[in-house]
Every structure is written in structure tokens, then in C-alpha cells.
Amino acid sequence: MAEQQTYLMAIDMLCCHLGLSKEEAKEQLGIDAQTTVESQIADTQEALMDLYR
């Protein structure tokens, strides 16, 4: 999860400016998609935050 948090801004920029999906952005950055519980929690929290934007 720490790795994902480190690259969160870069992932967001790739998604917003290049129209990539989150998985595509991670692939471009060379980050493996994690399927751990912590990763799923972080994804859920991020989705909930998007509801308020």
C-alpha cells in the first residue's frame, strides 16, 4: 500500500490527462496491481472521496 500511496499523484495525472484507467496508469509506471485487503480498502476510500468532488 505504501507503494501505491507514493505513486498516487502520478496515477491520478495519467488517468486525468491521458485518459488511462487506473490499471493502465499503474502498468505505465511499472507498479503491480495489488489485490490485498489494504489495496481494496484504499480503492474503496478513493471511490467514496470521488463522490464528494
PDB file of N, CA and C in Angstrom:
ATOM      1  N   MET A   1       0.815  -1.189   0.000  1.00  0.00           N
ATOM      2  CA  MET A   1       0.000   0.000   0.000  1.00  0.00           C
ATOM      3  C   MET A   1       0.859   1.254   0.000  1.00  0.00           C
ATOM      4  N   ALA A   2       1.983   1.211   0.662  1.00  0.00           N
ATOM      5  CA  ALA A   2       2.871   2.361   0.683  1.00  0.00           C
ATOM      6  C   ALA A   2       3.314   2.720  -0.723  1.00  0.00           C
ATOM      7  N   GLU A   3       3.577   1.711  -1.538  1.00  0.00           N
ATOM      8  CA  GLU A   3       3.979   1.956  -2.919  1.00  0.00           C
ATOM      9  C   GLU A   3       2.870   2.667  -3.676  1.00  0.00           C
ATOM     10  N   GLN A   4       1.636   2.249  -3.469  1.00  0.00           N
ATOM     11  CA  GLN A   4       0.506   2.867  -4.150  1.00  0.00           C
ATOM     12  C   GLN A   4       0.355   4.319  -3.701  1.00  0.00           C
ATOM     13  N   GLN A   5       0.513   4.596  -2.429  1.00  0.00           N
ATOM     14  CA  GLN A   5       0.392   5.958  -1.929  1.00  0.00           C
ATOM     15  C   GLN A   5       1.496   6.849  -2.496  1.00  0.00           C
ATOM     16  N   THR A   6       2.686   6.286  -2.679  1.00  0.00           N
ATOM     17  CA  THR A   6       3.805   7.045  -3.219  1.00  0.00           C
ATOM     18  C   THR A   6       3.513   7.505  -4.634  1.00  0.00           C
ATOM     19  N   TYR A   7       2.869   6.667  -5.403  1.00  0.00           N
ATOM     20  CA  TYR A   7       2.616   6.965  -6.807  1.00  0.00           C
ATOM     21  C   TYR A   7       1.206   7.496  -7.071  1.00  0.00           C
ATOM     22  N   LEU A   8       0.444   7.787  -6.045  1.00  0.00           N
ATOM     23  CA  LEU A   8      -0.949   8.185  -6.212  1.00  0.00           C
ATOM     24  C   LEU A   8      -1.101   9.413  -7.101  1.00  0.00           C
ATOM     25  N   MET A   9      -0.274  10.433  -6.913  1.00  0.00           N
ATOM     26  CA  MET A   9      -0.372  11.645  -7.730  1.00  0.00           C
ATOM     27  C   MET A   9      -0.054  11.342  -9.191  1.00  0.00           C
ATOM     28  N   ALA A  10       0.966  10.529  -9.424  1.00  0.00           N
ATOM     29  CA  ALA A  10       1.324  10.168 -10.801  1.00  0.00           C
ATOM     30  C   ALA A  10       0.209   9.373 -11.459  1.00  0.00           C
ATOM     31  N   ILE A  11      -0.400   8.468 -10.713  1.00  0.00           N
ATOM     32  CA  ILE A  11      -1.516   7.672 -11.237  1.00  0.00           C
ATOM     33  C   ILE A  11      -2.685   8.595 -11.583  1.00  0.00           C
ATOM     34  N   ASP A  12      -3.002   9.526 -10.695  1.00  0.00           N
ATOM     35  CA  ASP A  12      -4.094  10.461 -10.943  1.00  0.00           C
ATOM     36  C   ASP A  12      -3.834  11.317 -12.178  1.00  0.00           C
ATOM     37  N   MET A  13      -2.594  11.770 -12.343  1.00  0.00           N
ATOM     38  CA  MET A  13      -2.258  12.594 -13.500  1.00  0.00           C
ATOM     39  C   MET A  13      -2.406  11.804 -14.798  1.00  0.00           C
ATOM     40  N   LEU A  14      -1.935  10.570 -14.806  1.00  0.00           N
ATOM     41  CA  LEU A  14      -2.068   9.747 -16.005  1.00  0.00           C
ATOM     42  C   LEU A  14      -3.531   9.477 -16.325  1.00  0.00           C
ATOM     43  N   CYS A  15      -4.318   9.246 -15.299  1.00  0.00           N
ATOM     44  CA  CYS A  15      -5.753   8.989 -15.512  1.00  0.00           C
ATOM     45  C   CYS A  15      -6.456  10.224 -16.051  1.00  0.00           C
ATOM     46  N   CYS A  16      -6.208  11.367 -15.434  1.00  0.00           N
ATOM     47  CA  CYS A  16      -6.920  12.585 -15.814  1.00  0.00           C
ATOM     48  C   CYS A  16      -6.448  13.158 -17.147  1.00  0.00           C
ATOM     49  N   HIS A  17      -5.142  13.260 -17.334  1.00  0.00           N
ATOM     50  CA  HIS A  17      -4.613  13.949 -18.506  1.00  0.00           C
ATOM     51  C   HIS A  17      -4.488  13.064 -19.736  1.00  0.00           C
ATOM     52  N   LEU A  18      -4.289  11.770 -19.540  1.00  0.00           N
ATOM     53  CA  LEU A  18      -4.151  10.871 -20.681  1.00  0.00           C
ATOM     54  C   LEU A  18      -5.350   9.963 -20.864  1.00  0.00           C
ATOM     55  N   GLY A  19      -6.279  10.009 -19.929  1.00  0.00           N
ATOM     56  CA  GLY A  19      -7.483   9.200 -20.040  1.00  0.00           C
ATOM     57  C   GLY A  19      -7.250   7.717 -19.821  1.00  0.00           C
ATOM     58  N   LEU A  20      -6.190   7.371 -19.100  1.00  0.00           N
ATOM     59  CA  LEU A  20      -5.907   5.968 -18.826  1.00  0.00           C
ATOM     60  C   LEU A  20      -6.747   5.490 -17.651  1.00  0.00           C
ATOM     61  N   SER A  21      -7.003   4.193 -17.621  1.00  0.00           N
ATOM     62  CA  SER A  21      -7.649   3.618 -16.444  1.00  0.00           C
ATOM     63  C   SER A  21      -6.602   3.526 -15.341  1.00  0.00           C
ATOM     64  N   LYS A  22      -7.063   3.274 -14.150  1.00  0.00           N
ATOM     65  CA  LYS A  22      -6.139   3.158 -13.013  1.00  0.00           C
ATOM     66  C   LYS A  22      -5.142   2.021 -13.246  1.00  0.00           C
ATOM     67  N   GLU A  23      -5.629   0.898 -13.779  1.00  0.00           N
ATOM     68  CA  GLU A  23      -4.757  -0.250 -14.040  1.00  0.00           C
ATOM     69  C   GLU A  23      -3.740   0.069 -15.135  1.00  0.00           C
ATOM     70  N   GLU A  24      -4.181   0.790 -16.183  1.00  0.00           N
ATOM     71  CA  GLU A  24      -3.264   1.166 -17.262  1.00  0.00           C
ATOM     72  C   GLU A  24      -2.192   2.123 -16.757  1.00  0.00           C
ATOM     73  N   ALA A  25      -2.585   3.055 -15.896  1.00  0.00           N
ATOM     74  CA  ALA A  25      -1.630   4.002 -15.339  1.00  0.00           C
ATOM     75  C   ALA A  25      -0.588   3.272 -14.494  1.00  0.00           C
ATOM     76  N   LYS A  26      -1.039   2.316 -13.686  1.00  0.00           N
ATOM     77  CA  LYS A  26      -0.101   1.543 -12.868  1.00  0.00           C
ATOM     78  C   LYS A  26       0.854   0.754 -13.755  1.00  0.00           C
ATOM     79  N   GLU A  27       0.342   0.204 -14.842  1.00  0.00           N
ATOM     80  CA  GLU A  27       1.180  -0.552 -15.769  1.00  0.00           C
ATOM     81  C   GLU A  27       2.232   0.358 -16.397  1.00  0.00           C
ATOM     82  N   GLN A  28       1.842   1.569 -16.769  1.00  0.00           N
ATOM     83  CA  GLN A  28       2.782   2.524 -17.348  1.00  0.00           C
ATOM     84  C   GLN A  28       3.883   2.895 -16.361  1.00  0.00           C
ATOM     85  N   LEU A  29       3.546   2.936 -15.080  1.00  0.00           N
ATOM     86  CA  LEU A  29       4.519   3.278 -14.040  1.00  0.00           C
ATOM     87  C   LEU A  29       5.313   2.066 -13.554  1.00  0.00           C
ATOM     88  N   GLY A  30       4.917   0.886 -14.019  1.00  0.00           N
ATOM     89  CA  GLY A  30       5.620  -0.326 -13.601  1.00  0.00           C
ATOM     90  C   GLY A  30       5.224  -0.796 -12.219  1.00  0.00           C
ATOM     91  N   ILE A  31       4.010  -0.477 -11.806  1.00  0.00           N
ATOM     92  CA  ILE A  31       3.513  -0.881 -10.492  1.00  0.00           C
ATOM     93  C   ILE A  31       2.590  -2.069 -10.679  1.00  0.00           C
ATOM     94  N   ASP A  32       2.840  -3.127  -9.939  1.00  0.00           N
ATOM     95  CA  ASP A  32       1.943  -4.282  -9.990  1.00  0.00           C
ATOM     96  C   ASP A  32       0.641  -3.946  -9.294  1.00  0.00           C
ATOM     97  N   ALA A  33      -0.460  -4.355  -9.893  1.00  0.00           N
ATOM     98  CA  ALA A  33      -1.759  -4.160  -9.252  1.00  0.00           C
ATOM     99  C   ALA A  33      -1.859  -5.111  -8.070  1.00  0.00           C
ATOM    100  N   GLN A  34      -2.045  -4.549  -6.888  1.00  0.00           N
ATOM    101  CA  GLN A  34      -2.110  -5.355  -5.678  1.00  0.00           C
ATOM    102  C   GLN A  34      -3.547  -5.765  -5.419  1.00  0.00           C
ATOM    103  N   THR A  35      -3.734  -6.991  -4.993  1.00  0.00           N
ATOM    104  CA  THR A  35      -5.087  -7.462  -4.693  1.00  0.00           C
ATOM    105  C   THR A  35      -5.221  -7.776  -3.206  1.00  0.00           C
ATOM    106  N   THR A  36      -4.505  -7.041  -2.395  1.00  0.00           N
ATOM    107  CA  THR A  36      -4.567  -7.267  -0.958  1.00  0.00           C
ATOM    108  C   THR A  36      -5.763  -6.538  -0.369  1.00  0.00           C
ATOM    109  N   VAL A  37      -6.100  -6.881   0.828  1.00  0.00           N
ATOM    110  CA  VAL A  37      -7.212  -6.237   1.524  1.00  0.00           C
ATOM    111  C   VAL A  37      -6.928  -4.747   1.687  1.00  0.00           C
ATOM    112  N   GLU A  38      -5.705  -4.387   2.021  1.00  0.00           N
ATOM    113  CA  GLU A  38      -5.356  -2.980   2.193  1.00  0.00           C
ATOM    114  C   GLU A  38      -5.579  -2.204   0.901  1.00  0.00           C
ATOM    115  N   SER A  39      -5.205  -2.795  -0.215  1.00  0.00           N
ATOM    116  CA  SER A  39      -5.400  -2.147  -1.512  1.00  0.00           C
ATOM    117  C   SER A  39      -6.880  -1.958  -1.810  1.00  0.00           C
ATOM    118  N   GLN A  40      -7.686  -2.956  -1.504  1.00  0.00           N
ATOM    119  CA  GLN A  40      -9.121  -2.855  -1.739  1.00  0.00           C
ATOM    120  C   GLN A  40      -9.742  -1.783  -0.854  1.00  0.00           C
ATOM    121  N   ILE A  41      -9.278  -1.660   0.371  1.00  0.00           N
ATOM    122  CA  ILE A  41      -9.775  -0.626   1.277  1.00  0.00           C
ATOM    123  C   ILE A  41      -9.414   0.747   0.732  1.00  0.00           C
ATOM    124  N   ALA A  42      -8.178   0.910   0.288  1.00  0.00           N
ATOM    125  CA  ALA A  42      -7.740   2.188  -0.266  1.00  0.00           C
ATOM    126  C   ALA A  42      -8.558   2.557  -1.503  1.00  0.00           C
ATOM    127  N   ASP A  43      -8.831   1.586  -2.352  1.00  0.00           N
ATOM    128  CA  ASP A  43      -9.633   1.836  -3.549  1.00  0.00           C
ATOM    129  C   ASP A  43     -11.052   2.254  -3.179  1.00  0.00           C
ATOM    130  N   THR A  44     -11.611   1.620  -2.159  1.00  0.00           N
ATOM    131  CA  THR A  44     -12.958   1.966  -1.715  1.00  0.00           C
ATOM    132  C   THR A  44     -12.985   3.378  -1.148  1.00  0.00           C
ATOM    133  N   GLN A  45     -11.984   3.727  -0.354  1.00  0.00           N
ATOM    134  CA  GLN A  45     -11.917   5.067   0.207  1.00  0.00           C
ATOM    135  C   GLN A  45     -11.781   6.105  -0.900  1.00  0.00           C
ATOM    136  N   GLU A  46     -10.970   5.815  -1.890  1.00  0.00           N
ATOM    137  CA  GLU A  46     -10.784   6.727  -3.013  1.00  0.00           C
ATOM    138  C   GLU A  46     -12.102   6.914  -3.775  1.00  0.00           C
ATOM    139  N   ALA A  47     -12.826   5.831  -3.996  1.00  0.00           N
ATOM    140  CA  ALA A  47     -14.098   5.921  -4.704  1.00  0.00           C
ATOM    141  C   ALA A  47     -15.097   6.757  -3.912  1.00  0.00           C
ATOM    142  N   LEU A  48     -15.110   6.595  -2.602  1.00  0.00           N
ATOM    143  CA  LEU A  48     -16.004   7.388  -1.768  1.00  0.00           C
ATOM    144  C   LEU A  48     -15.650   8.861  -1.805  1.00  0.00           C
ATOM    145  N   MET A  49     -14.357   9.173  -1.831  1.00  0.00           N
ATOM    146  CA  MET A  49     -13.926  10.570  -1.913  1.00  0.00           C
ATOM    147  C   MET A  49     -14.344  11.175  -3.243  1.00  0.00           C
ATOM    148  N   ASP A  50     -14.330  10.395  -4.315  1.00  0.00           N
ATOM    149  CA  ASP A  50     -14.738  10.882  -5.623  1.00  0.00           C
ATOM    150  C   ASP A  50     -16.206  11.278  -5.652  1.00  0.00           C
ATOM    151  N   LEU A  51     -17.007  10.689  -4.781  1.00  0.00           N
ATOM    152  CA  LEU A  51     -18.425  11.029  -4.727  1.00  0.00           C
ATOM    153  C   LEU A  51     -18.636  12.465  -4.262  1.00  0.00           C
ATOM    154  N   TYR A  52     -17.687  13.000  -3.504  1.00  0.00           N
ATOM    155  CA  TYR A  52     -17.821  14.331  -2.960  1.00  0.00           C
ATOM    156  C   TYR A  52     -17.188  15.404  -3.833  1.00  0.00           C
ATOM    157  N   ARG A  53     -16.601  15.027  -4.964  1.00  0.00           N
ATOM    158  CA  ARG A  53     -15.952  16.019  -5.854  1.00  0.00           C
ATOM    159  C   ARG A  53     -16.932  16.603  -6.804  1.00  0.00           C
TER     160      ARG A  53
END
